Amino acid sequence: MALLLGIDTGGTYTDAVLFDDSVGIMAKAKALTTRHDLAIGISGAVDRVLTQSGKAQLSLNSSRFPPRSPPTRWSKDSTAGSAL
């Protein structure tokens, strides 16, 4: 039995489908697309489709996939990118 996860990130919604090669589609779910950080919408859709399918124990292990840190903001006085 192979479980396949399909993700489609669109302009408004991010869709997730969990597919079992022996049974077909097991679950479908949607989450709002978060344009500033697509990972938020993707993880929301994945969590929902796994919960809906009863396969929530397959959710991503946070020790394998640690939370993302927010992007670094450079101040005007930062020396990053200055010529050497």
Protein backbone atom coordinates (compact mmCIF):
# COMPACT_ATOMS: atom_id res chain seq x y z
CA MET A 1 0.00 0.00 0.00
CA ALA A 2 1.49 3.32 -1.05
CA LEU A 3 0.09 6.59 0.28
CA LEU A 4 0.58 9.58 -1.96
CA LEU A 5 0.06 13.19 -0.94
CA GLY A 6 -0.78 15.77 -3.59
CA ILE A 7 -0.58 19.51 -2.93
CA ASP A 8 -1.82 22.34 -5.15
CA THR A 9 -1.08 25.88 -4.01
CA GLY A 10 -3.42 28.31 -5.71
CA GLY A 11 -4.17 32.00 -5.42
CA THR A 12 -6.87 31.60 -2.76
CA TYR A 13 -6.75 28.02 -1.51
CA THR A 14 -4.13 25.33 -1.03
CA ASP A 15 -5.56 21.87 -1.73
CA ALA A 16 -4.32 18.54 -0.41
CA VAL A 17 -5.34 15.05 -1.51
CA LEU A 18 -4.33 11.79 0.16
CA PHE A 19 -4.36 8.91 -2.32
CA ASP A 20 -3.98 5.20 -1.59
CA ASP A 21 -2.92 3.21 -4.64
CA SER A 22 -5.18 0.31 -3.66
CA VAL A 23 -8.35 2.28 -2.77
CA GLY A 24 -8.07 5.64 -4.53
CA ILE A 25 -8.73 9.01 -2.94
CA MET A 26 -8.88 8.70 0.84
CA ALA A 27 -9.39 12.37 1.75
CA LYS A 28 -9.39 15.90 0.34
CA ALA A 29 -8.92 19.18 2.22
CA LYS A 30 -8.42 22.91 1.68
CA ALA A 31 -6.66 25.66 3.58
CA LEU A 32 -6.23 29.33 2.76
CA THR A 33 -3.11 30.10 0.74
CA THR A 34 -0.74 32.32 2.69
CA ARG A 35 1.24 34.25 0.11
CA HIS A 36 3.75 35.69 2.59
CA ASP A 37 4.75 32.14 3.61
CA LEU A 38 3.34 29.29 1.51
CA ALA A 39 4.46 26.73 4.11
CA ILE A 40 1.70 27.92 6.48
CA GLY A 41 -1.10 27.15 4.00
CA ILE A 42 0.54 23.91 2.90
CA SER A 43 0.93 22.64 6.46
CA GLY A 44 -2.67 23.60 7.21
CA ALA A 45 -3.94 21.61 4.22
CA VAL A 46 -1.71 18.63 5.08
CA ASP A 47 -2.85 18.60 8.71
CA ARG A 48 -6.50 18.72 7.62
CA VAL A 49 -6.23 15.97 5.02
CA LEU A 50 -4.38 13.67 7.44
CA THR A 51 -6.93 14.30 10.19
CA GLN A 52 -9.84 13.76 7.80
CA SER A 53 -8.36 10.48 6.57
CA GLY A 54 -7.68 9.14 10.06
CA LYS A 55 -3.95 9.10 9.30
CA ALA A 56 -3.08 11.98 11.62
CA GLN A 57 -0.28 9.90 13.15
CA LEU A 58 1.52 10.34 9.80
CA SER A 59 1.86 14.07 10.37
CA LEU A 60 5.34 15.52 10.00
CA ASN A 61 7.58 14.89 12.97
CA SER A 62 8.82 18.24 14.24
CA SER A 63 12.23 16.77 15.08
CA ARG A 64 12.74 15.88 11.41
CA PHE A 65 11.26 19.13 10.17
CA PRO A 66 11.97 21.87 12.70
CA PRO A 67 9.83 25.03 12.57
CA ARG A 68 11.03 27.66 10.16
CA SER A 69 12.47 30.81 11.61
CA PRO A 70 11.07 34.09 10.32
CA PRO A 71 13.00 35.80 7.53
CA THR A 72 15.83 38.05 8.60
CA ARG A 73 15.18 41.75 8.15
CA TRP A 74 18.21 43.84 7.35
CA SER A 75 18.43 47.33 8.76
CA LYS A 76 19.71 50.27 6.70
CA ASP A 77 22.94 50.31 8.66
CA SER A 78 23.62 46.62 7.99
CA THR A 79 26.91 45.89 6.26
CA ALA A 80 25.52 42.88 4.43
CA GLY A 81 25.97 43.26 0.72
CA SER A 82 28.46 46.11 0.97
CA ALA A 83 31.46 46.03 -1.30
CA LEU A 84 34.65 44.65 0.17
